[in-house]
Amino acid sequence: MKQSSGDEPAGFFTSRCVSFRHAFRGLGFALRSEIHVRIHLVATLAVIGAGLYFDLSINEWCSVSLAIGLVIASEILNTAIERLVDIVRPEHDAAAGQVKDLASAATLVAAFAAAVIGLLIFGPHFLNL
């Protein structure tokens, strides 16, 4: 196998680029096909706007960024799980329904946690207006 400089095999960076391309394709698919992902994106833009307006501290931005990432990632994982369940069990199945409900519940928990973070960070800023 050809070697690049260092210990990495030739093509390492090419394969990473391909991986990123697949990931961005998945993100694009989620944005185009899933209304909840688009709703979270609109909420994200509103939160970023509010964060810029209130000049959040670096720690506040870290918390907000993690909350945003958690919610969007959980929504995308929920979508992936639902699609996989539909492939594996296209007919109605109680256990498959429970799997979908659990995946959806994970997104709900992430959204509630993000809302709490939002209230803790933005609440004092709004009260000081």
Protein backbone atom coordinates (compact mmCIF):
# COMPACT_ATOMS: atom_id res chain seq x y z
CA MET A 1 0.00 0.00 0.00
CA LYS A 2 1.31 3.46 -0.88
CA GLN A 3 2.23 5.59 2.07
CA SER A 4 1.85 9.35 2.35
CA SER A 5 4.11 11.42 4.55
CA GLY A 6 3.76 10.13 8.09
CA ASP A 7 2.02 6.90 9.06
CA GLU A 8 -1.24 7.55 7.21
CA PRO A 9 -2.07 5.44 4.17
CA ALA A 10 -2.40 7.23 0.84
CA GLY A 11 -6.00 8.17 0.30
CA PHE A 12 -6.64 8.86 3.97
CA PHE A 13 -7.64 12.45 3.31
CA THR A 14 -9.60 11.47 0.22
CA SER A 15 -11.62 8.97 2.22
CA ARG A 16 -12.24 11.62 4.90
CA CYS A 17 -13.54 14.01 2.23
CA VAL A 18 -15.86 11.28 0.97
CA SER A 19 -17.11 10.72 4.53
CA PHE A 20 -17.82 14.41 4.95
CA ARG A 21 -19.63 14.49 1.62
CA HIS A 22 -21.89 11.64 2.81
CA ALA A 23 -22.52 13.44 6.11
CA PHE A 24 -23.44 16.70 4.37
CA ARG A 25 -25.68 14.79 1.98
CA GLY A 26 -27.47 13.32 5.01
CA LEU A 27 -27.81 16.76 6.56
CA GLY A 28 -29.23 18.10 3.32
CA PHE A 29 -31.67 15.20 3.15
CA ALA A 30 -32.79 15.86 6.73
CA LEU A 31 -33.32 19.55 5.99
CA ARG A 32 -35.28 18.85 2.81
CA SER A 33 -37.42 16.00 4.09
CA GLU A 34 -38.00 16.56 7.80
CA ILE A 35 -40.22 19.42 8.98
CA HIS A 36 -38.94 19.11 12.55
CA VAL A 37 -35.33 19.61 11.44
CA ARG A 38 -36.42 22.77 9.61
CA ILE A 39 -38.29 23.96 12.71
CA HIS A 40 -35.15 23.40 14.79
CA LEU A 41 -33.12 25.29 12.19
CA VAL A 42 -35.46 28.29 12.41
CA ALA A 43 -35.24 28.14 16.21
CA THR A 44 -31.45 27.93 15.91
CA LEU A 45 -31.34 31.06 13.77
CA ALA A 46 -33.55 32.89 16.29
CA VAL A 47 -31.32 31.80 19.18
CA ILE A 48 -28.18 32.86 17.33
CA GLY A 49 -29.78 36.24 16.61
CA ALA A 50 -30.74 36.66 20.26
CA GLY A 51 -27.26 35.58 21.34
CA LEU A 52 -25.68 38.20 19.11
CA TYR A 53 -28.11 40.84 20.33
CA PHE A 54 -27.41 40.08 23.99
CA ASP A 55 -23.66 39.64 23.38
CA LEU A 56 -23.49 36.25 25.11
CA SER A 57 -20.32 35.30 26.95
CA ILE A 58 -18.14 32.48 25.63
CA ASN A 59 -19.53 30.13 28.30
CA GLU A 60 -23.09 31.02 27.33
CA TRP A 61 -22.27 30.42 23.65
CA CYS A 62 -20.77 27.05 24.56
CA SER A 63 -23.93 26.01 26.39
CA VAL A 64 -26.22 27.28 23.62
CA SER A 65 -24.09 25.61 20.93
CA LEU A 66 -24.13 22.28 22.73
CA ALA A 67 -27.89 22.49 23.23
CA ILE A 68 -28.45 23.30 19.55
CA GLY A 69 -26.17 20.49 18.44
CA LEU A 70 -27.81 18.00 20.79
CA VAL A 71 -31.31 18.78 19.57
CA ILE A 72 -30.47 18.73 15.86
CA ALA A 73 -28.33 15.60 16.18
CA SER A 74 -31.05 13.80 18.14
CA GLU A 75 -33.66 14.81 15.56
CA ILE A 76 -31.49 13.42 12.75
CA LEU A 77 -30.84 10.20 14.70
CA ASN A 78 -34.56 9.92 15.37
CA THR A 79 -35.24 10.22 11.65
CA ALA A 80 -32.59 7.60 10.85
CA ILE A 81 -34.03 5.18 13.41
CA GLU A 82 -37.56 5.69 12.11
CA ARG A 83 -36.44 5.06 8.53
CA LEU A 84 -34.53 1.93 9.54
CA VAL A 85 -37.52 0.59 11.47
CA ASP A 86 -39.72 1.21 8.42
CA ILE A 87 -37.32 -0.84 6.31
CA VAL A 88 -37.02 -3.70 8.80
CA ARG A 89 -40.70 -3.77 9.80
CA PRO A 90 -42.83 -2.20 7.05
CA GLU A 91 -45.96 -3.79 8.51
CA HIS A 92 -47.44 -2.49 11.76
CA ASP A 93 -45.56 -3.99 14.69
CA ALA A 94 -45.93 -3.01 18.35
CA ALA A 95 -42.24 -3.47 19.15
CA ALA A 96 -41.21 -1.42 16.10
CA GLY A 97 -43.61 1.27 17.25
CA GLN A 98 -41.98 1.29 20.67
CA VAL A 99 -38.55 1.72 19.07
CA LYS A 100 -39.86 4.73 17.14
CA ASP A 101 -41.48 6.15 20.27
CA LEU A 102 -38.24 5.78 22.22
CA ALA A 103 -36.24 7.55 19.52
CA SER A 104 -38.81 10.32 19.47
CA ALA A 105 -38.69 10.57 23.26
CA ALA A 106 -34.92 11.08 23.11
CA THR A 107 -35.47 14.09 20.87
CA LEU A 108 -38.14 15.40 23.23
CA VAL A 109 -35.76 15.12 26.19
CA ALA A 110 -33.05 16.93 24.24
CA ALA A 111 -35.48 19.69 23.27
CA PHE A 112 -36.64 20.12 26.88
CA ALA A 113 -33.03 20.29 28.07
CA ALA A 114 -32.28 22.90 25.39
CA ALA A 115 -35.33 24.90 26.48
CA VAL A 116 -34.12 24.88 30.09
CA ILE A 117 -30.67 26.00 28.97
CA GLY A 118 -32.28 28.72 26.88
CA LEU A 119 -34.35 29.95 29.83
CA LEU A 120 -31.33 29.95 32.14
CA ILE A 121 -29.18 31.85 29.67
CA PHE A 122 -31.65 34.19 27.99
CA GLY A 123 -34.04 34.73 30.91
CA PRO A 124 -31.79 37.16 32.78
CA HIS A 125 -30.97 39.02 29.56
CA PHE A 126 -34.65 39.48 28.75
CA LEU A 127 -35.43 40.55 32.31
CA ASN A 128 -32.74 43.25 32.07
CA LEU A 129 -34.33 44.86 29.00
